[in-house]
Amino acid sequence: MAKNKVQQLPVFDSIDELVDFFDNHDFGDYLKELPEVDFEIDLKRRTYVVTLDADLADKVTQIAKAEHTSSNQLINAWVKQMALEQTA
């Protein structure tokens, strides 16, 4: 197909259809159809990995499920609370 002709992006019923389509088509041929977006990225934020022993991780997971939150959010809340108490 001619490179200067804008191709119309089909409508997909699933993510799998979209993936299959772009496995066989050049994404660059459809760039003009995609909306322009602006967003900011905070490169200063970092994620740290902390290990827990298996028994403790299981207990944290149980507590997090009971509180309808993720283990990550629960641990962050606990550490934040302890840090505030230690610096007060």
PDB file of N, CA and C in Angstrom:
ATOM      1  N   MET A   1       0.842  -1.175   0.000  1.00  0.00           N
ATOM      2  CA  MET A   1       0.000   0.000   0.000  1.00  0.00           C
ATOM      3  C   MET A   1       0.888   1.240   0.000  1.00  0.00           C
ATOM      4  N   ALA A   2       0.457   2.313  -0.642  1.00  0.00           N
ATOM      5  CA  ALA A   2       1.258   3.527  -0.749  1.00  0.00           C
ATOM      6  C   ALA A   2       1.478   4.134   0.629  1.00  0.00           C
ATOM      7  N   LYS A   3       2.692   4.602   0.873  1.00  0.00           N
ATOM      8  CA  LYS A   3       3.036   5.148   2.180  1.00  0.00           C
ATOM      9  C   LYS A   3       2.317   6.454   2.483  1.00  0.00           C
ATOM     10  N   ASN A   4       1.909   7.216   1.460  1.00  0.00           N
ATOM     11  CA  ASN A   4       1.272   8.500   1.710  1.00  0.00           C
ATOM     12  C   ASN A   4      -0.235   8.372   1.927  1.00  0.00           C
ATOM     13  N   LYS A   5      -0.802   7.201   1.749  1.00  0.00           N
ATOM     14  CA  LYS A   5      -2.227   6.989   1.950  1.00  0.00           C
ATOM     15  C   LYS A   5      -2.483   6.663   3.421  1.00  0.00           C
ATOM     16  N   VAL A   6      -3.414   7.409   4.041  1.00  0.00           N
ATOM     17  CA  VAL A   6      -3.755   7.170   5.434  1.00  0.00           C
ATOM     18  C   VAL A   6      -4.687   5.965   5.504  1.00  0.00           C
ATOM     19  N   GLN A   7      -4.308   4.989   6.292  1.00  0.00           N
ATOM     20  CA  GLN A   7      -5.134   3.797   6.442  1.00  0.00           C
ATOM     21  C   GLN A   7      -6.039   3.961   7.659  1.00  0.00           C
ATOM     22  N   GLN A   8      -7.268   3.478   7.540  1.00  0.00           N
ATOM     23  CA  GLN A   8      -8.219   3.584   8.636  1.00  0.00           C
ATOM     24  C   GLN A   8      -8.039   2.410   9.593  1.00  0.00           C
ATOM     25  N   LEU A   9      -7.942   2.729  10.866  1.00  0.00           N
ATOM     26  CA  LEU A   9      -7.764   1.709  11.885  1.00  0.00           C
ATOM     27  C   LEU A   9      -9.092   0.996  12.126  1.00  0.00           C
ATOM     28  N   PRO A  10      -9.125  -0.327  12.052  1.00  0.00           N
ATOM     29  CA  PRO A  10     -10.375  -1.053  12.284  1.00  0.00           C
ATOM     30  C   PRO A  10     -10.811  -0.970  13.746  1.00  0.00           C
ATOM     31  N   VAL A  11     -12.058  -1.291  14.000  1.00  0.00           N
ATOM     32  CA  VAL A  11     -12.576  -1.374  15.366  1.00  0.00           C
ATOM     33  C   VAL A  11     -12.374  -2.817  15.830  1.00  0.00           C
ATOM     34  N   PHE A  12     -11.854  -2.973  17.030  1.00  0.00           N
ATOM     35  CA  PHE A  12     -11.558  -4.301  17.554  1.00  0.00           C
ATOM     36  C   PHE A  12     -12.536  -4.656  18.662  1.00  0.00           C
ATOM     37  N   ASP A  13     -12.914  -5.927  18.726  1.00  0.00           N
ATOM     38  CA  ASP A  13     -13.820  -6.413  19.768  1.00  0.00           C
ATOM     39  C   ASP A  13     -13.076  -6.905  21.002  1.00  0.00           C
ATOM     40  N   SER A  14     -11.764  -7.049  20.881  1.00  0.00           N
ATOM     41  CA  SER A  14     -10.985  -7.532  22.023  1.00  0.00           C
ATOM     42  C   SER A  14      -9.529  -7.097  21.873  1.00  0.00           C
ATOM     43  N   ILE A  15      -8.823  -7.166  22.974  1.00  0.00           N
ATOM     44  CA  ILE A  15      -7.385  -6.878  22.962  1.00  0.00           C
ATOM     45  C   ILE A  15      -6.666  -7.896  22.081  1.00  0.00           C
ATOM     46  N   ASP A  16      -7.122  -9.144  22.130  1.00  0.00           N
ATOM     47  CA  ASP A  16      -6.491 -10.187  21.312  1.00  0.00           C
ATOM     48  C   ASP A  16      -6.576  -9.862  19.826  1.00  0.00           C
ATOM     49  N   GLU A  17      -7.722  -9.333  19.388  1.00  0.00           N
ATOM     50  CA  GLU A  17      -7.867  -8.947  17.978  1.00  0.00           C
ATOM     51  C   GLU A  17      -6.899  -7.822  17.623  1.00  0.00           C
ATOM     52  N   LEU A  18      -6.763  -6.853  18.521  1.00  0.00           N
ATOM     53  CA  LEU A  18      -5.845  -5.737  18.293  1.00  0.00           C
ATOM     54  C   LEU A  18      -4.410  -6.250  18.180  1.00  0.00           C
ATOM     55  N   VAL A  19      -4.019  -7.132  19.091  1.00  0.00           N
ATOM     56  CA  VAL A  19      -2.661  -7.692  19.075  1.00  0.00           C
ATOM     57  C   VAL A  19      -2.421  -8.472  17.786  1.00  0.00           C
ATOM     58  N   ASP A  20      -3.385  -9.304  17.410  1.00  0.00           N
ATOM     59  CA  ASP A  20      -3.251 -10.076  16.168  1.00  0.00           C
ATOM     60  C   ASP A  20      -3.108  -9.156  14.956  1.00  0.00           C
ATOM     61  N   PHE A  21      -3.890  -8.073  14.950  1.00  0.00           N
ATOM     62  CA  PHE A  21      -3.840  -7.129  13.834  1.00  0.00           C
ATOM     63  C   PHE A  21      -2.446  -6.526  13.702  1.00  0.00           C
ATOM     64  N   PHE A  22      -1.892  -6.034  14.825  1.00  0.00           N
ATOM     65  CA  PHE A  22      -0.590  -5.376  14.752  1.00  0.00           C
ATOM     66  C   PHE A  22       0.578  -6.359  14.670  1.00  0.00           C
ATOM     67  N   ASP A  23       0.314  -7.630  14.846  1.00  0.00           N
ATOM     68  CA  ASP A  23       1.340  -8.632  14.539  1.00  0.00           C
ATOM     69  C   ASP A  23       1.578  -8.696  13.034  1.00  0.00           C
ATOM     70  N   ASN A  24       0.565  -8.290  12.260  1.00  0.00           N
ATOM     71  CA  ASN A  24       0.634  -8.396  10.799  1.00  0.00           C
ATOM     72  C   ASN A  24       0.593  -7.051  10.076  1.00  0.00           C
ATOM     73  N   HIS A  25       0.506  -5.944  10.811  1.00  0.00           N
ATOM     74  CA  HIS A  25       0.430  -4.614  10.208  1.00  0.00           C
ATOM     75  C   HIS A  25       1.423  -3.682  10.885  1.00  0.00           C
ATOM     76  N   ASP A  26       1.843  -2.665  10.164  1.00  0.00           N
ATOM     77  CA  ASP A  26       2.794  -1.679  10.672  1.00  0.00           C
ATOM     78  C   ASP A  26       2.045  -0.609  11.464  1.00  0.00           C
ATOM     79  N   PHE A  27       2.358  -0.503  12.756  1.00  0.00           N
ATOM     80  CA  PHE A  27       1.716   0.487  13.626  1.00  0.00           C
ATOM     81  C   PHE A  27       1.893   1.900  13.076  1.00  0.00           C
ATOM     82  N   GLY A  28       3.026   2.165  12.451  1.00  0.00           N
ATOM     83  CA  GLY A  28       3.314   3.485  11.894  1.00  0.00           C
ATOM     84  C   GLY A  28       2.338   3.924  10.823  1.00  0.00           C
ATOM     85  N   ASP A  29       1.707   2.983  10.144  1.00  0.00           N
ATOM     86  CA  ASP A  29       0.726   3.330   9.113  1.00  0.00           C
ATOM     87  C   ASP A  29      -0.540   3.944   9.698  1.00  0.00           C
ATOM     88  N   TYR A  30      -0.733   3.841  11.002  1.00  0.00           N
ATOM     89  CA  TYR A  30      -1.977   4.288  11.638  1.00  0.00           C
ATOM     90  C   TYR A  30      -1.761   5.428  12.632  1.00  0.00           C
ATOM     91  N   LEU A  31      -0.561   5.970  12.699  1.00  0.00           N
ATOM     92  CA  LEU A  31      -0.249   7.011  13.678  1.00  0.00           C
ATOM     93  C   LEU A  31      -1.113   8.259  13.530  1.00  0.00           C
ATOM     94  N   LYS A  32      -1.450   8.636  12.301  1.00  0.00           N
ATOM     95  CA  LYS A  32      -2.234   9.858  12.090  1.00  0.00           C
ATOM     96  C   LYS A  32      -3.656   9.726  12.624  1.00  0.00           C
ATOM     97  N   GLU A  33      -4.134   8.519  12.822  1.00  0.00           N
ATOM     98  CA  GLU A  33      -5.479   8.302  13.354  1.00  0.00           C
ATOM     99  C   GLU A  33      -5.521   8.358  14.875  1.00  0.00           C
ATOM    100  N   LEU A  34      -4.387   8.238  15.513  1.00  0.00           N
ATOM    101  CA  LEU A  34      -4.345   8.196  16.970  1.00  0.00           C
ATOM    102  C   LEU A  34      -4.342   9.604  17.546  1.00  0.00           C
ATOM    103  N   PRO A  35      -5.026   9.817  18.676  1.00  0.00           N
ATOM    104  CA  PRO A  35      -5.062  11.149  19.279  1.00  0.00           C
ATOM    105  C   PRO A  35      -3.716  11.515  19.898  1.00  0.00           C
ATOM    106  N   GLU A  36      -3.425  12.795  19.890  1.00  0.00           N
ATOM    107  CA  GLU A  36      -2.218  13.280  20.549  1.00  0.00           C
ATOM    108  C   GLU A  36      -2.508  13.379  22.038  1.00  0.00           C
ATOM    109  N   VAL A  37      -1.574  12.970  22.854  1.00  0.00           N
ATOM    110  CA  VAL A  37      -1.765  13.014  24.301  1.00  0.00           C
ATOM    111  C   VAL A  37      -0.587  13.722  24.955  1.00  0.00           C
ATOM    112  N   ASP A  38      -0.864  14.363  26.080  1.00  0.00           N
ATOM    113  CA  ASP A  38       0.165  14.997  26.897  1.00  0.00           C
ATOM    114  C   ASP A  38       0.077  14.406  28.293  1.00  0.00           C
ATOM    115  N   PHE A  39       1.217  14.128  28.899  1.00  0.00           N
ATOM    116  CA  PHE A  39       1.237  13.641  30.267  1.00  0.00           C
ATOM    117  C   PHE A  39       2.587  13.961  30.873  1.00  0.00           C
ATOM    118  N   GLU A  40       2.608  14.003  32.195  1.00  0.00           N
ATOM    119  CA  GLU A  40       3.842  14.285  32.910  1.00  0.00           C
ATOM    120  C   GLU A  40       4.327  13.014  33.589  1.00  0.00           C
ATOM    121  N   ILE A  41       5.624  12.907  33.700  1.00  0.00           N
ATOM    122  CA  ILE A  41       6.233  11.763  34.366  1.00  0.00           C
ATOM    123  C   ILE A  41       7.100  12.287  35.499  1.00  0.00           C
ATOM    124  N   ASP A  42       6.905  11.734  36.686  1.00  0.00           N
ATOM    125  CA  ASP A  42       7.714  12.110  37.841  1.00  0.00           C
ATOM    126  C   ASP A  42       8.878  11.126  37.949  1.00  0.00           C
ATOM    127  N   LEU A  43      10.025  11.519  37.423  1.00  0.00           N
ATOM    128  CA  LEU A  43      11.186  10.634  37.420  1.00  0.00           C
ATOM    129  C   LEU A  43      11.892  10.574  38.771  1.00  0.00           C
ATOM    130  N   LYS A  44      11.484  11.426  39.698  1.00  0.00           N
ATOM    131  CA  LYS A  44      12.130  11.453  41.004  1.00  0.00           C
ATOM    132  C   LYS A  44      11.635  10.334  41.918  1.00  0.00           C
ATOM    133  N   ARG A  45      10.445   9.817  41.648  1.00  0.00           N
ATOM    134  CA  ARG A  45       9.876   8.780  42.504  1.00  0.00           C
ATOM    135  C   ARG A  45      10.582   7.444  42.247  1.00  0.00           C
ATOM    136  N   ARG A  46      10.844   6.725  43.311  1.00  0.00           N
ATOM    137  CA  ARG A  46      11.511   5.432  43.198  1.00  0.00           C
ATOM    138  C   ARG A  46      10.713   4.371  43.939  1.00  0.00           C
ATOM    139  N   THR A  47      10.873   3.156  43.507  1.00  0.00           N
ATOM    140  CA  THR A  47      10.277   2.013  44.183  1.00  0.00           C
ATOM    141  C   THR A  47      11.404   1.174  44.757  1.00  0.00           C
ATOM    142  N   TYR A  48      11.240   0.773  45.994  1.00  0.00           N
ATOM    143  CA  TYR A  48      12.245  -0.045  46.655  1.00  0.00           C
ATOM    144  C   TYR A  48      11.662  -1.430  46.909  1.00  0.00           C
ATOM    145  N   VAL A  49      12.480  -2.442  46.782  1.00  0.00           N
ATOM    146  CA  VAL A  49      12.059  -3.815  47.020  1.00  0.00           C
ATOM    147  C   VAL A  49      12.599  -4.252  48.378  1.00  0.00           C
ATOM    148  N   VAL A  50      11.691  -4.737  49.226  1.00  0.00           N
ATOM    149  CA  VAL A  50      12.055  -5.229  50.545  1.00  0.00           C
ATOM    150  C   VAL A  50      11.558  -6.665  50.638  1.00  0.00           C
ATOM    151  N   THR A  51      12.398  -7.559  51.111  1.00  0.00           N
ATOM    152  CA  THR A  51      11.987  -8.961  51.202  1.00  0.00           C
ATOM    153  C   THR A  51      11.386  -9.259  52.572  1.00  0.00           C
ATOM    154  N   LEU A  52      10.432 -10.180  52.582  1.00  0.00           N
ATOM    155  CA  LEU A  52       9.820 -10.671  53.817  1.00  0.00           C
ATOM    156  C   LEU A  52       9.969 -12.184  53.829  1.00  0.00           C
ATOM    157  N   ASP A  53      10.078 -12.764  55.040  1.00  0.00           N
ATOM    158  CA  ASP A  53      10.093 -14.227  55.045  1.00  0.00           C
ATOM    159  C   ASP A  53       8.684 -14.718  54.724  1.00  0.00           C
ATOM    160  N   ALA A  54       8.573 -15.951  54.303  1.00  0.00           N
ATOM    161  CA  ALA A  54       7.316 -16.490  53.769  1.00  0.00           C
ATOM    162  C   ALA A  54       6.170 -16.422  54.771  1.00  0.00           C
ATOM    163  N   ASP A  55       6.423 -16.765  56.033  1.00  0.00           N
ATOM    164  CA  ASP A  55       5.352 -16.742  57.037  1.00  0.00           C
ATOM    165  C   ASP A  55       4.816 -15.332  57.246  1.00  0.00           C
ATOM    166  N   LEU A  56       5.717 -14.367  57.322  1.00  0.00           N
ATOM    167  CA  LEU A  56       5.296 -12.983  57.499  1.00  0.00           C
ATOM    168  C   LEU A  56       4.535 -12.481  56.278  1.00  0.00           C
ATOM    169  N   ALA A  57       4.997 -12.824  55.103  1.00  0.00           N
ATOM    170  CA  ALA A  57       4.312 -12.416  53.875  1.00  0.00           C
ATOM    171  C   ALA A  57       2.901 -12.991  53.827  1.00  0.00           C
ATOM    172  N   ASP A  58       2.731 -14.244  54.261  1.00  0.00           N
ATOM    173  CA  ASP A  58       1.397 -14.856  54.299  1.00  0.00           C
ATOM    174  C   ASP A  58       0.474 -14.113  55.260  1.00  0.00           C
ATOM    175  N   LYS A  59       0.995 -13.751  56.428  1.00  0.00           N
ATOM    176  CA  LYS A  59       0.182 -13.016  57.407  1.00  0.00           C
ATOM    177  C   LYS A  59      -0.218 -11.647  56.868  1.00  0.00           C
ATOM    178  N   VAL A  60       0.719 -10.959  56.236  1.00  0.00           N
ATOM    179  CA  VAL A  60       0.424  -9.648  55.651  1.00  0.00           C
ATOM    180  C   VAL A  60      -0.647  -9.781  54.572  1.00  0.00           C
ATOM    181  N   THR A  61      -0.544 -10.806  53.756  1.00  0.00           N
ATOM    182  CA  THR A  61      -1.533 -11.034  52.697  1.00  0.00           C
ATOM    183  C   THR A  61      -2.917 -11.271  53.288  1.00  0.00           C
ATOM    184  N   GLN A  62      -3.002 -12.057  54.363  1.00  0.00           N
ATOM    185  CA  GLN A  62      -4.287 -12.309  55.019  1.00  0.00           C
ATOM    186  C   GLN A  62      -4.890 -11.023  55.575  1.00  0.00           C
ATOM    187  N   ILE A  63      -4.074 -10.216  56.223  1.00  0.00           N
ATOM    188  CA  ILE A  63      -4.555  -8.950  56.789  1.00  0.00           C
ATOM    189  C   ILE A  63      -5.004  -8.013  55.677  1.00  0.00           C
ATOM    190  N   ALA A  64      -4.228  -7.930  54.616  1.00  0.00           N
ATOM    191  CA  ALA A  64      -4.573  -7.055  53.488  1.00  0.00           C
ATOM    192  C   ALA A  64      -5.902  -7.473  52.868  1.00  0.00           C
ATOM    193  N   LYS A  65      -6.111  -8.774  52.686  1.00  0.00           N
ATOM    194  CA  LYS A  65      -7.381  -9.256  52.127  1.00  0.00           C
ATOM    195  C   LYS A  65      -8.545  -8.891  53.037  1.00  0.00           C
ATOM    196  N   ALA A  66      -8.356  -9.039  54.344  1.00  0.00           N
ATOM    197  CA  ALA A  66      -9.412  -8.702  55.302  1.00  0.00           C
ATOM    198  C   ALA A  66      -9.748  -7.215  55.261  1.00  0.00           C
ATOM    199  N   GLU A  67      -8.757  -6.391  54.948  1.00  0.00           N
ATOM    200  CA  GLU A  67      -8.962  -4.943  54.872  1.00  0.00           C
ATOM    201  C   GLU A  67      -9.270  -4.473  53.450  1.00  0.00           C
ATOM    202  N   HIS A  68      -9.433  -5.418  52.523  1.00  0.00           N
ATOM    203  CA  HIS A  68      -9.764  -5.113  51.121  1.00  0.00           C
ATOM    204  C   HIS A  68      -8.765  -4.141  50.496  1.00  0.00           C
ATOM    205  N   THR A  69      -7.501  -4.447  50.675  1.00  0.00           N
ATOM    206  CA  THR A  69      -6.429  -3.640  50.097  1.00  0.00           C
ATOM    207  C   THR A  69      -5.319  -4.582  49.635  1.00  0.00           C
ATOM    208  N   SER A  70      -4.318  -4.031  49.010  1.00  0.00           N
ATOM    209  CA  SER A  70      -3.184  -4.856  48.583  1.00  0.00           C
ATOM    210  C   SER A  70      -2.141  -4.916  49.693  1.00  0.00           C
ATOM    211  N   SER A  71      -1.327  -5.944  49.651  1.00  0.00           N
ATOM    212  CA  SER A  71      -0.233  -6.062  50.617  1.00  0.00           C
ATOM    213  C   SER A  71       0.696  -4.860  50.515  1.00  0.00           C
ATOM    214  N   ASN A  72       0.954  -4.419  49.304  1.00  0.00           N
ATOM    215  CA  ASN A  72       1.828  -3.274  49.078  1.00  0.00           C
ATOM    216  C   ASN A  72       1.286  -2.016  49.760  1.00  0.00           C
ATOM    217  N   GLN A  73      -0.002  -1.740  49.569  1.00  0.00           N
ATOM    218  CA  GLN A  73      -0.601  -0.553  50.181  1.00  0.00           C
ATOM    219  C   GLN A  73      -0.605  -0.658  51.701  1.00  0.00           C
ATOM    220  N   LEU A  74      -0.893  -1.846  52.210  1.00  0.00           N
ATOM    221  CA  LEU A  74      -0.915  -2.059  53.654  1.00  0.00           C
ATOM    222  C   LEU A  74       0.462  -1.820  54.261  1.00  0.00           C
ATOM    223  N   ILE A  75       1.482  -2.414  53.681  1.00  0.00           N
ATOM    224  CA  ILE A  75       2.841  -2.248  54.202  1.00  0.00           C
ATOM    225  C   ILE A  75       3.283  -0.793  54.106  1.00  0.00           C
ATOM    226  N   ASN A  76       2.973  -0.117  53.005  1.00  0.00           N
ATOM    227  CA  ASN A  76       3.320   1.299  52.885  1.00  0.00           C
ATOM    228  C   ASN A  76       2.649   2.125  53.972  1.00  0.00           C
ATOM    229  N   ALA A  77       1.387   1.837  54.266  1.00  0.00           N
ATOM    230  CA  ALA A  77       0.673   2.569  55.322  1.00  0.00           C
ATOM    231  C   ALA A  77       1.322   2.317  56.678  1.00  0.00           C
ATOM    232  N   TRP A  78       1.673   1.057  56.959  1.00  0.00           N
ATOM    233  CA  TRP A  78       2.314   0.730  58.230  1.00  0.00           C
ATOM    234  C   TRP A  78       3.664   1.427  58.374  1.00  0.00           C
ATOM    235  N   VAL A  79       4.469   1.374  57.342  1.00  0.00           N
ATOM    236  CA  VAL A  79       5.801   1.990  57.405  1.00  0.00           C
ATOM    237  C   VAL A  79       5.678   3.505  57.547  1.00  0.00           C
ATOM    238  N   LYS A  80       4.739   4.096  56.822  1.00  0.00           N
ATOM    239  CA  LYS A  80       4.523   5.545  56.929  1.00  0.00           C
ATOM    240  C   LYS A  80       4.114   5.915  58.350  1.00  0.00           C
ATOM    241  N   GLN A  81       3.184   5.144  58.929  1.00  0.00           N
ATOM    242  CA  GLN A  81       2.731   5.403  60.292  1.00  0.00           C
ATOM    243  C   GLN A  81       3.891   5.291  61.281  1.00  0.00           C
ATOM    244  N   MET A  82       4.689   4.247  61.152  1.00  0.00           N
ATOM    245  CA  MET A  82       5.828   4.059  62.056  1.00  0.00           C
ATOM    246  C   MET A  82       6.863   5.167  61.889  1.00  0.00           C
ATOM    247  N   ALA A  83       7.109   5.582  60.669  1.00  0.00           N
ATOM    248  CA  ALA A  83       8.078   6.652  60.423  1.00  0.00           C
ATOM    249  C   ALA A  83       7.603   7.962  61.040  1.00  0.00           C
ATOM    250  N   LEU A  84       6.302   8.245  60.912  1.00  0.00           N
ATOM    251  CA  LEU A  84       5.758   9.467  61.509  1.00  0.00           C
ATOM    252  C   LEU A  84       5.853   9.419  63.030  1.00  0.00           C
ATOM    253  N   GLU A  85       5.571   8.262  63.615  1.00  0.00           N
ATOM    254  CA  GLU A  85       5.663   8.116  65.068  1.00  0.00           C
ATOM    255  C   GLU A  85       7.103   8.270  65.550  1.00  0.00           C
ATOM    256  N   GLN A  86       8.051   7.770  64.789  1.00  0.00           N
ATOM    257  CA  GLN A  86       9.455   7.831  65.181  1.00  0.00           C
ATOM    258  C   GLN A  86      10.035   9.237  65.061  1.00  0.00           C
ATOM    259  N   THR A  87       9.473  10.032  64.160  1.00  0.00           N
ATOM    260  CA  THR A  87      10.007  11.384  63.953  1.00  0.00           C
ATOM    261  C   THR A  87       9.211  12.443  64.697  1.00  0.00           C
ATOM    262  N   ALA A  88       8.157  12.045  65.385  1.00  0.00           N
ATOM    263  CA  ALA A  88       7.318  13.014  66.112  1.00  0.00           C
ATOM    264  C   ALA A  88       7.917  13.361  67.452  1.00  0.00           C
TER     265      ALA A  88
END
